[in-house]
N, C-alpha and C. Protein backbone atom coordinates (compact mmCIF):
# COMPACT_ATOMS: atom_id res chain seq x y z
N UNK A 1 0.85 -1.17 0.00
CA UNK A 1 0.00 0.00 0.00
C UNK A 1 0.90 1.24 0.00
N UNK A 2 0.63 2.16 -0.88
CA UNK A 2 1.48 3.35 -0.98
C UNK A 2 1.13 4.35 0.12
N UNK A 3 2.08 5.20 0.40
CA UNK A 3 1.88 6.24 1.40
C UNK A 3 0.72 7.15 1.01
N UNK A 4 0.63 7.47 -0.27
CA UNK A 4 -0.44 8.33 -0.76
C UNK A 4 -1.81 7.70 -0.49
N UNK A 5 -1.92 6.39 -0.70
CA UNK A 5 -3.17 5.69 -0.44
C UNK A 5 -3.47 5.68 1.06
N UNK A 6 -2.46 5.48 1.88
CA UNK A 6 -2.64 5.49 3.34
C UNK A 6 -3.12 6.86 3.83
N UNK A 7 -2.59 7.92 3.24
CA UNK A 7 -3.04 9.27 3.60
C UNK A 7 -4.53 9.41 3.31
N UNK A 8 -4.95 8.98 2.14
CA UNK A 8 -6.35 9.11 1.74
C UNK A 8 -7.26 8.23 2.58
N UNK A 9 -6.86 6.99 2.79
CA UNK A 9 -7.70 6.06 3.56
C UNK A 9 -7.86 6.54 5.00
N UNK A 10 -6.77 6.95 5.64
CA UNK A 10 -6.89 7.41 7.03
C UNK A 10 -7.68 8.72 7.12
N UNK A 11 -7.57 9.57 6.11
CA UNK A 11 -8.38 10.79 6.09
C UNK A 11 -9.87 10.47 6.00
N UNK A 12 -10.23 9.57 5.08
CA UNK A 12 -11.63 9.16 4.95
C UNK A 12 -12.12 8.50 6.23
N UNK A 13 -11.31 7.61 6.78
CA UNK A 13 -11.72 6.91 8.00
C UNK A 13 -11.93 7.86 9.17
N UNK A 14 -11.01 8.79 9.35
CA UNK A 14 -11.16 9.76 10.44
C UNK A 14 -12.46 10.54 10.26
N UNK A 15 -12.71 11.01 9.05
CA UNK A 15 -13.95 11.75 8.77
C UNK A 15 -15.17 10.87 9.02
N UNK A 16 -15.12 9.62 8.58
CA UNK A 16 -16.22 8.67 8.78
C UNK A 16 -16.50 8.49 10.28
N UNK A 17 -15.45 8.24 11.06
CA UNK A 17 -15.62 8.05 12.50
C UNK A 17 -16.16 9.31 13.17
N UNK A 18 -15.62 10.47 12.81
CA UNK A 18 -16.10 11.71 13.42
C UNK A 18 -17.55 11.99 13.03
N UNK A 19 -17.94 11.63 11.82
CA UNK A 19 -19.34 11.79 11.42
C UNK A 19 -20.25 10.97 12.32
N UNK A 20 -19.88 9.71 12.55
CA UNK A 20 -20.71 8.86 13.39
C UNK A 20 -20.65 9.28 14.86
N UNK A 21 -19.55 9.82 15.30
CA UNK A 21 -19.47 10.34 16.67
C UNK A 21 -20.44 11.50 16.85
N UNK A 22 -20.48 12.39 15.87
CA UNK A 22 -21.40 13.54 15.93
C UNK A 22 -22.85 13.05 15.90
N UNK A 23 -23.17 12.15 14.99
CA UNK A 23 -24.54 11.64 14.87
C UNK A 23 -24.97 10.93 16.15
N UNK A 24 -24.13 10.06 16.68
CA UNK A 24 -24.47 9.33 17.91
C UNK A 24 -24.63 10.30 19.08
N UNK A 25 -23.79 11.31 19.15
CA UNK A 25 -23.90 12.31 20.22
C UNK A 25 -25.20 13.09 20.13
N UNK A 26 -25.60 13.46 18.93
CA UNK A 26 -26.85 14.19 18.75
C UNK A 26 -28.06 13.30 19.07
N UNK A 27 -28.01 12.04 18.66
CA UNK A 27 -29.13 11.13 18.92
C UNK A 27 -29.24 10.75 20.39
N UNK A 28 -28.13 10.72 21.06
CA UNK A 28 -28.11 10.31 22.46
C UNK A 28 -29.00 11.19 23.32
N UNK A 29 -29.11 12.45 22.99
CA UNK A 29 -29.93 13.37 23.77
C UNK A 29 -31.37 13.45 23.27
N UNK A 30 -31.73 12.60 22.32
CA UNK A 30 -33.11 12.60 21.83
C UNK A 30 -33.92 11.60 22.64
N UNK A 31 -35.18 11.49 22.31
CA UNK A 31 -36.06 10.60 23.06
C UNK A 31 -35.93 9.17 22.54
N UNK A 32 -34.95 8.48 23.08
CA UNK A 32 -34.75 7.06 22.76
C UNK A 32 -34.74 6.30 24.08
N UNK A 33 -35.10 5.01 24.05
CA UNK A 33 -35.06 4.23 25.30
C UNK A 33 -33.67 4.23 25.93
N UNK A 34 -33.62 4.12 27.25
CA UNK A 34 -32.36 4.17 27.99
C UNK A 34 -31.34 3.16 27.47
N UNK A 35 -31.82 1.98 27.12
CA UNK A 35 -30.93 0.94 26.61
C UNK A 35 -30.20 1.43 25.35
N UNK A 36 -30.92 2.11 24.50
CA UNK A 36 -30.33 2.66 23.27
C UNK A 36 -29.40 3.84 23.58
N UNK A 37 -29.75 4.62 24.61
CA UNK A 37 -28.89 5.75 24.99
C UNK A 37 -27.52 5.25 25.43
N UNK A 38 -27.50 4.14 26.16
CA UNK A 38 -26.22 3.57 26.58
C UNK A 38 -25.41 3.10 25.37
N UNK A 39 -26.08 2.46 24.43
CA UNK A 39 -25.42 2.02 23.20
C UNK A 39 -24.88 3.23 22.43
N UNK A 40 -25.71 4.27 22.31
CA UNK A 40 -25.29 5.48 21.60
C UNK A 40 -24.13 6.17 22.30
N UNK A 41 -24.14 6.15 23.64
CA UNK A 41 -23.04 6.76 24.39
C UNK A 41 -21.72 6.04 24.09
N UNK A 42 -21.76 4.71 24.14
CA UNK A 42 -20.54 3.94 23.87
C UNK A 42 -20.08 4.10 22.42
N UNK A 43 -21.04 4.12 21.51
CA UNK A 43 -20.69 4.35 20.11
C UNK A 43 -20.08 5.73 19.94
N UNK A 44 -20.72 6.74 20.53
CA UNK A 44 -20.26 8.13 20.45
C UNK A 44 -18.82 8.24 20.97
N UNK A 45 -18.56 7.67 22.12
CA UNK A 45 -17.23 7.74 22.72
C UNK A 45 -16.20 6.97 21.91
N UNK A 46 -16.52 5.72 21.58
CA UNK A 46 -15.55 4.87 20.89
C UNK A 46 -15.21 5.38 19.49
N UNK A 47 -16.22 5.73 18.70
CA UNK A 47 -15.90 6.18 17.34
C UNK A 47 -15.20 7.54 17.36
N UNK A 48 -15.43 8.33 18.39
CA UNK A 48 -14.67 9.58 18.53
C UNK A 48 -13.19 9.29 18.71
N UNK A 49 -12.88 8.33 19.57
CA UNK A 49 -11.47 7.97 19.77
C UNK A 49 -10.88 7.30 18.54
N UNK A 50 -11.67 6.44 17.86
CA UNK A 50 -11.18 5.85 16.61
C UNK A 50 -10.85 6.96 15.61
N UNK A 51 -11.71 7.97 15.57
CA UNK A 51 -11.47 9.11 14.69
C UNK A 51 -10.17 9.80 15.02
N UNK A 52 -9.92 10.00 16.32
CA UNK A 52 -8.68 10.67 16.73
C UNK A 52 -7.45 9.83 16.36
N UNK A 53 -7.52 8.53 16.61
CA UNK A 53 -6.37 7.67 16.29
C UNK A 53 -6.10 7.64 14.78
N UNK A 54 -7.16 7.57 13.97
CA UNK A 54 -6.93 7.58 12.53
C UNK A 54 -6.50 8.97 12.05
N UNK A 55 -6.94 10.01 12.74
CA UNK A 55 -6.47 11.37 12.42
C UNK A 55 -4.97 11.49 12.69
N UNK A 56 -4.52 10.93 13.79
CA UNK A 56 -3.08 10.95 14.10
C UNK A 56 -2.30 10.17 13.04
N UNK A 57 -2.83 9.02 12.62
CA UNK A 57 -2.18 8.24 11.56
C UNK A 57 -2.15 9.05 10.26
N UNK A 58 -3.25 9.72 9.95
CA UNK A 58 -3.33 10.57 8.75
C UNK A 58 -2.24 11.64 8.79
N UNK A 59 -2.11 12.29 9.92
CA UNK A 59 -1.08 13.33 10.11
C UNK A 59 0.32 12.74 9.92
N UNK A 60 0.59 11.60 10.55
CA UNK A 60 1.92 10.99 10.46
C UNK A 60 2.25 10.56 9.03
N UNK A 61 1.26 10.06 8.31
CA UNK A 61 1.50 9.68 6.91
C UNK A 61 1.78 10.91 6.05
N UNK A 62 1.08 12.01 6.32
CA UNK A 62 1.34 13.25 5.58
C UNK A 62 2.76 13.74 5.88
N UNK A 63 3.18 13.66 7.14
CA UNK A 63 4.54 14.07 7.52
C UNK A 63 5.57 13.21 6.78
N UNK A 64 5.31 11.91 6.68
CA UNK A 64 6.26 10.99 6.05
C UNK A 64 6.29 11.11 4.53
N UNK A 65 5.22 11.61 3.94
CA UNK A 65 5.13 11.71 2.48
C UNK A 65 6.08 12.78 1.95
N UNK A 66 6.75 12.47 0.85
CA UNK A 66 7.68 13.43 0.26
C UNK A 66 7.18 14.00 -1.06
N UNK A 67 6.02 13.53 -1.54
CA UNK A 67 5.50 14.03 -2.82
C UNK A 67 5.16 15.52 -2.71
N UNK A 68 4.35 15.87 -1.72
CA UNK A 68 4.15 17.28 -1.37
C UNK A 68 4.86 17.44 -0.04
N UNK A 69 5.95 18.11 -0.07
CA UNK A 69 6.83 18.19 1.10
C UNK A 69 6.38 19.32 2.03
N UNK A 70 5.37 19.02 2.85
CA UNK A 70 4.90 20.01 3.83
C UNK A 70 5.93 20.15 4.94
N UNK A 71 6.15 21.36 5.37
CA UNK A 71 6.99 21.54 6.55
C UNK A 71 6.15 21.20 7.77
N UNK A 72 6.80 20.86 8.85
CA UNK A 72 6.07 20.57 10.08
C UNK A 72 5.28 21.80 10.52
N UNK A 73 5.86 22.96 10.34
CA UNK A 73 5.18 24.22 10.67
C UNK A 73 3.88 24.36 9.88
N UNK A 74 3.92 24.04 8.59
CA UNK A 74 2.73 24.15 7.74
C UNK A 74 1.65 23.15 8.14
N UNK A 75 2.04 22.05 8.77
CA UNK A 75 1.08 21.04 9.21
C UNK A 75 0.55 21.30 10.61
N UNK A 76 1.18 22.19 11.34
CA UNK A 76 0.75 22.48 12.71
C UNK A 76 0.09 23.85 12.86
N UNK A 77 0.45 24.79 12.01
CA UNK A 77 -0.10 26.15 12.11
C UNK A 77 -0.94 26.42 10.87
N UNK A 78 -2.25 26.63 11.06
CA UNK A 78 -3.14 26.82 9.91
C UNK A 78 -2.72 27.98 9.01
N UNK A 79 -2.89 27.77 7.72
CA UNK A 79 -2.71 28.78 6.67
C UNK A 79 -1.27 29.27 6.50
N UNK A 80 -0.29 28.44 6.88
CA UNK A 80 1.10 28.82 6.68
C UNK A 80 1.77 28.04 5.56
N UNK A 81 1.13 26.98 5.07
CA UNK A 81 1.72 26.18 4.00
C UNK A 81 1.40 26.76 2.63
N UNK A 82 2.16 26.35 1.64
CA UNK A 82 1.96 26.84 0.28
C UNK A 82 0.88 26.06 -0.48
N UNK A 83 0.97 24.74 -0.44
CA UNK A 83 0.08 23.91 -1.25
C UNK A 83 -1.31 23.81 -0.62
N UNK A 84 -2.32 24.17 -1.38
CA UNK A 84 -3.72 24.07 -0.93
C UNK A 84 -3.90 24.68 0.46
N UNK A 85 -3.36 25.82 0.66
CA UNK A 85 -3.27 26.52 1.93
C UNK A 85 -4.58 26.58 2.71
N UNK A 86 -5.65 27.03 2.09
CA UNK A 86 -6.91 27.23 2.80
C UNK A 86 -7.47 25.90 3.30
N UNK A 87 -7.54 24.91 2.43
CA UNK A 87 -8.13 23.63 2.81
C UNK A 87 -7.27 22.87 3.82
N UNK A 88 -5.99 23.00 3.69
CA UNK A 88 -5.09 22.41 4.69
C UNK A 88 -5.32 23.09 6.04
N UNK A 89 -5.43 24.41 6.03
CA UNK A 89 -5.68 25.17 7.26
C UNK A 89 -6.99 24.76 7.92
N UNK A 90 -8.03 24.54 7.13
CA UNK A 90 -9.32 24.11 7.68
C UNK A 90 -9.19 22.74 8.35
N UNK A 91 -8.42 21.85 7.73
CA UNK A 91 -8.19 20.53 8.32
C UNK A 91 -7.42 20.62 9.63
N UNK A 92 -6.45 21.52 9.69
CA UNK A 92 -5.67 21.69 10.92
C UNK A 92 -6.56 22.22 12.04
N UNK A 93 -7.38 23.21 11.74
CA UNK A 93 -8.29 23.76 12.76
C UNK A 93 -9.27 22.68 13.21
N UNK A 94 -9.83 21.92 12.27
CA UNK A 94 -10.74 20.83 12.63
C UNK A 94 -10.05 19.83 13.56
N UNK A 95 -8.79 19.52 13.26
CA UNK A 95 -8.03 18.58 14.09
C UNK A 95 -7.90 19.09 15.52
N UNK A 96 -7.52 20.35 15.65
CA UNK A 96 -7.37 20.92 17.00
C UNK A 96 -8.70 20.92 17.76
N UNK A 97 -9.78 21.22 17.06
CA UNK A 97 -11.09 21.22 17.73
C UNK A 97 -11.47 19.81 18.17
N UNK A 98 -11.26 18.82 17.31
CA UNK A 98 -11.58 17.44 17.70
C UNK A 98 -10.73 16.98 18.88
N UNK A 99 -9.46 17.33 18.89
CA UNK A 99 -8.59 16.98 20.03
C UNK A 99 -9.12 17.64 21.30
N UNK A 100 -9.50 18.90 21.22
CA UNK A 100 -10.03 19.61 22.39
C UNK A 100 -11.31 18.95 22.89
N UNK A 101 -12.20 18.59 21.98
CA UNK A 101 -13.46 17.95 22.37
C UNK A 101 -13.19 16.62 23.06
N UNK A 102 -12.33 15.80 22.49
CA UNK A 102 -12.06 14.49 23.08
C UNK A 102 -11.33 14.60 24.41
N UNK A 103 -10.37 15.49 24.50
CA UNK A 103 -9.62 15.64 25.76
C UNK A 103 -10.51 16.16 26.88
N UNK A 104 -11.37 17.12 26.57
CA UNK A 104 -12.25 17.65 27.62
C UNK A 104 -13.35 16.67 27.97
N UNK A 105 -13.67 15.75 27.09
CA UNK A 105 -14.73 14.80 27.36
C UNK A 105 -14.26 13.61 28.18
N UNK A 106 -13.13 13.07 27.85
CA UNK A 106 -12.70 11.85 28.51
C UNK A 106 -11.50 12.04 29.43
N UNK A 107 -10.69 13.02 29.18
CA UNK A 107 -9.46 13.19 29.96
C UNK A 107 -9.64 14.20 31.08
N UNK A 108 -10.20 15.37 30.75
CA UNK A 108 -10.30 16.44 31.75
C UNK A 108 -11.72 16.68 32.25
N UNK A 109 -12.65 15.82 31.91
CA UNK A 109 -14.06 16.04 32.25
C UNK A 109 -14.28 16.29 33.74
N UNK A 110 -13.62 15.54 34.58
CA UNK A 110 -13.84 15.68 36.02
C UNK A 110 -13.18 16.93 36.59
N UNK A 111 -12.32 17.58 35.81
CA UNK A 111 -11.58 18.74 36.30
C UNK A 111 -12.14 20.07 35.80
N UNK A 112 -13.25 20.05 35.09
CA UNK A 112 -13.78 21.31 34.55
C UNK A 112 -15.27 21.41 34.83
N UNK A 113 -15.78 22.64 34.79
CA UNK A 113 -17.21 22.77 35.05
C UNK A 113 -18.01 22.42 33.79
N UNK A 114 -19.24 22.09 34.01
CA UNK A 114 -20.10 21.56 32.94
C UNK A 114 -20.33 22.58 31.82
N UNK A 115 -20.44 23.85 32.15
CA UNK A 115 -20.68 24.88 31.13
C UNK A 115 -19.51 24.95 30.15
N UNK A 116 -18.29 24.95 30.67
CA UNK A 116 -17.11 24.98 29.81
C UNK A 116 -17.07 23.72 28.95
N UNK A 117 -17.31 22.58 29.59
CA UNK A 117 -17.31 21.31 28.86
C UNK A 117 -18.32 21.36 27.71
N UNK A 118 -19.51 21.86 28.00
CA UNK A 118 -20.57 21.90 26.99
C UNK A 118 -20.17 22.78 25.81
N UNK A 119 -19.61 23.95 26.08
CA UNK A 119 -19.18 24.84 25.00
C UNK A 119 -18.07 24.21 24.15
N UNK A 120 -17.13 23.58 24.82
CA UNK A 120 -16.06 22.92 24.06
C UNK A 120 -16.65 21.76 23.25
N UNK A 121 -17.57 21.02 23.86
CA UNK A 121 -18.16 19.87 23.18
C UNK A 121 -18.96 20.29 21.94
N UNK A 122 -19.61 21.43 22.01
CA UNK A 122 -20.35 21.93 20.85
C UNK A 122 -19.43 22.26 19.68
N UNK A 123 -18.15 22.38 19.94
CA UNK A 123 -17.18 22.65 18.87
C UNK A 123 -17.03 21.47 17.92
N UNK A 124 -17.61 20.31 18.30
CA UNK A 124 -17.53 19.15 17.41
C UNK A 124 -18.28 19.40 16.10
N UNK A 125 -19.34 20.20 16.14
CA UNK A 125 -20.08 20.49 14.91
C UNK A 125 -19.28 21.36 13.94
N UNK A 126 -18.71 22.50 14.39
CA UNK A 126 -17.85 23.25 13.47
C UNK A 126 -16.62 22.43 13.04
N UNK A 127 -16.09 21.61 13.94
CA UNK A 127 -14.94 20.78 13.59
C UNK A 127 -15.31 19.81 12.47
N UNK A 128 -16.47 19.20 12.61
CA UNK A 128 -16.93 18.26 11.59
C UNK A 128 -17.11 18.98 10.25
N UNK A 129 -17.72 20.16 10.27
CA UNK A 129 -17.93 20.93 9.04
C UNK A 129 -16.59 21.31 8.40
N UNK A 130 -15.64 21.73 9.21
CA UNK A 130 -14.31 22.07 8.68
C UNK A 130 -13.62 20.83 8.08
N UNK A 131 -13.81 19.68 8.73
CA UNK A 131 -13.24 18.43 8.20
C UNK A 131 -13.88 18.09 6.85
N UNK A 132 -15.18 18.30 6.73
CA UNK A 132 -15.87 18.08 5.46
C UNK A 132 -15.30 19.00 4.38
N UNK A 133 -15.16 20.28 4.69
CA UNK A 133 -14.62 21.24 3.72
C UNK A 133 -13.17 20.89 3.35
N UNK A 134 -12.40 20.45 4.34
CA UNK A 134 -11.02 20.02 4.10
C UNK A 134 -11.00 18.87 3.09
N UNK A 135 -11.81 17.86 3.34
CA UNK A 135 -11.85 16.70 2.44
C UNK A 135 -12.32 17.06 1.04
N UNK A 136 -13.35 17.90 0.97
CA UNK A 136 -13.86 18.31 -0.34
C UNK A 136 -12.84 19.14 -1.11
N UNK A 137 -12.11 19.99 -0.39
CA UNK A 137 -11.21 20.91 -1.05
C UNK A 137 -9.83 20.36 -1.37
N UNK A 138 -9.31 19.53 -0.48
CA UNK A 138 -7.94 19.05 -0.67
C UNK A 138 -7.90 17.61 -1.19
N UNK A 139 -9.03 16.91 -1.05
CA UNK A 139 -9.08 15.51 -1.47
C UNK A 139 -8.96 15.34 -2.97
N UNK A 140 -8.10 14.45 -3.37
CA UNK A 140 -7.88 14.21 -4.80
C UNK A 140 -8.96 13.30 -5.40
N UNK A 141 -9.77 12.69 -4.55
CA UNK A 141 -10.81 11.77 -5.02
C UNK A 141 -12.20 12.38 -5.02
N UNK A 142 -12.32 13.64 -4.67
CA UNK A 142 -13.62 14.27 -4.50
C UNK A 142 -14.48 14.21 -5.76
N UNK A 143 -13.89 14.22 -6.92
CA UNK A 143 -14.66 14.20 -8.17
C UNK A 143 -15.20 12.81 -8.51
N UNK A 144 -14.76 11.80 -7.82
CA UNK A 144 -15.25 10.44 -8.09
C UNK A 144 -16.67 10.30 -7.52
N UNK A 145 -17.56 9.67 -8.28
CA UNK A 145 -18.97 9.58 -7.86
C UNK A 145 -19.18 8.97 -6.47
N UNK A 146 -18.48 7.88 -6.15
CA UNK A 146 -18.68 7.26 -4.84
C UNK A 146 -18.19 8.15 -3.70
N UNK A 147 -17.14 8.88 -3.93
CA UNK A 147 -16.61 9.78 -2.90
C UNK A 147 -17.56 10.96 -2.72
N UNK A 148 -18.06 11.48 -3.83
CA UNK A 148 -19.05 12.57 -3.75
C UNK A 148 -20.29 12.10 -3.01
N UNK A 149 -20.73 10.87 -3.29
CA UNK A 149 -21.88 10.30 -2.60
C UNK A 149 -21.58 10.15 -1.10
N UNK A 150 -20.39 9.71 -0.79
CA UNK A 150 -19.96 9.56 0.61
C UNK A 150 -20.06 10.90 1.35
N UNK A 151 -19.50 11.95 0.77
CA UNK A 151 -19.55 13.26 1.42
C UNK A 151 -20.98 13.80 1.49
N UNK A 152 -21.74 13.66 0.41
CA UNK A 152 -23.12 14.17 0.39
C UNK A 152 -23.99 13.44 1.39
N UNK A 153 -23.88 12.12 1.45
CA UNK A 153 -24.72 11.36 2.38
C UNK A 153 -24.33 11.62 3.83
N UNK A 154 -23.05 11.80 4.10
CA UNK A 154 -22.65 12.12 5.48
C UNK A 154 -23.15 13.50 5.87
N UNK A 155 -23.11 14.45 4.95
CA UNK A 155 -23.61 15.80 5.25
C UNK A 155 -25.12 15.76 5.49
N UNK A 156 -25.84 15.03 4.65
CA UNK A 156 -27.29 14.91 4.85
C UNK A 156 -27.62 14.22 6.16
N UNK A 157 -26.86 13.21 6.52
CA UNK A 157 -27.09 12.50 7.78
C UNK A 157 -26.90 13.44 8.97
N UNK A 158 -25.84 14.20 8.98
CA UNK A 158 -25.59 15.12 10.10
C UNK A 158 -26.65 16.23 10.12
N UNK A 159 -26.99 16.77 8.97
CA UNK A 159 -28.00 17.84 8.92
C UNK A 159 -29.36 17.31 9.39
N UNK A 160 -29.74 16.12 8.93
CA UNK A 160 -31.02 15.53 9.35
C UNK A 160 -31.04 15.25 10.84
N UNK A 161 -29.96 14.72 11.37
CA UNK A 161 -29.89 14.41 12.80
C UNK A 161 -29.91 15.69 13.62
N UNK A 162 -29.18 16.70 13.19
CA UNK A 162 -29.17 17.98 13.89
C UNK A 162 -30.55 18.63 13.84
N UNK A 163 -31.21 18.56 12.69
CA UNK A 163 -32.57 19.12 12.57
C UNK A 163 -33.53 18.41 13.50
N UNK A 164 -33.44 17.09 13.55
CA UNK A 164 -34.28 16.30 14.45
C UNK A 164 -34.04 16.70 15.90
N UNK A 165 -32.79 16.82 16.26
CA UNK A 165 -32.44 17.20 17.63
C UNK A 165 -32.94 18.60 17.96
N UNK A 166 -32.77 19.54 17.04
CA UNK A 166 -33.21 20.92 17.28
C UNK A 166 -34.73 20.99 17.37
N UNK A 167 -35.42 20.21 16.57
CA UNK A 167 -36.88 20.18 16.60
C UNK A 167 -37.37 19.65 17.95
N UNK A 168 -36.70 18.65 18.47
CA UNK A 168 -37.09 18.08 19.76
C UNK A 168 -36.87 19.05 20.91
N UNK A 169 -35.91 19.96 20.76
CA UNK A 169 -35.59 20.90 21.84
C UNK A 169 -36.16 22.29 21.60
N UNK A 170 -36.92 22.44 20.53
CA UNK A 170 -37.49 23.76 20.24
C UNK A 170 -38.58 24.08 21.26
N UNK A 171 -38.66 25.34 21.61
CA UNK A 171 -39.71 25.78 22.52
C UNK A 171 -40.72 26.60 21.72
N UNK A 172 -41.95 26.46 22.10
CA UNK A 172 -43.02 27.18 21.43
C UNK A 172 -43.34 28.41 22.27
N UNK A 173 -43.31 29.55 21.63
CA UNK A 173 -43.64 30.80 22.30
C UNK A 173 -44.98 31.27 21.76
N UNK A 174 -45.93 31.43 22.67
CA UNK A 174 -47.26 31.86 22.26
C UNK A 174 -47.29 33.38 22.21
N UNK A 175 -47.69 33.90 21.06
CA UNK A 175 -47.78 35.34 20.88
C UNK A 175 -49.25 35.71 20.79
N UNK A 176 -49.66 36.69 21.60
CA UNK A 176 -51.07 37.12 21.58
C UNK A 176 -51.28 38.26 20.64
């Protein structure tokens, strides 16, 4: 397997896992039986960590690749690299947000107040959107029909789940 293929596969996998982590997290707070909430919680937590581990592999493969010779600085600081600067920067920001969400959820959860945790946790939605834009913009396979379908269906899934969640939490204000 070539390094270039490993970069693409780990990028897709990380995005796939983060998509399901977001969906499971949104569904967990909806009206589902407790048994399903426990399943959704474990899915949400586990696929989030799988996403982080594959994201780290994606990063390491990009560092090891010599075809586009990114400097370490360009891979760590958004918008400092030459090649595909904007989309690379969006991916870097998404990565930092996902790391923050996972660390505050499982590592530092007991050491922070709930309001801070909640605000950091909500960053998973912008992180997911930035990851989508990163993949669409920098991905060399985006023009392929199956890849386009993959991105479109994941976006529809997150939008539908978010809409469902927002509808369930909407309040009705009576105006006289």
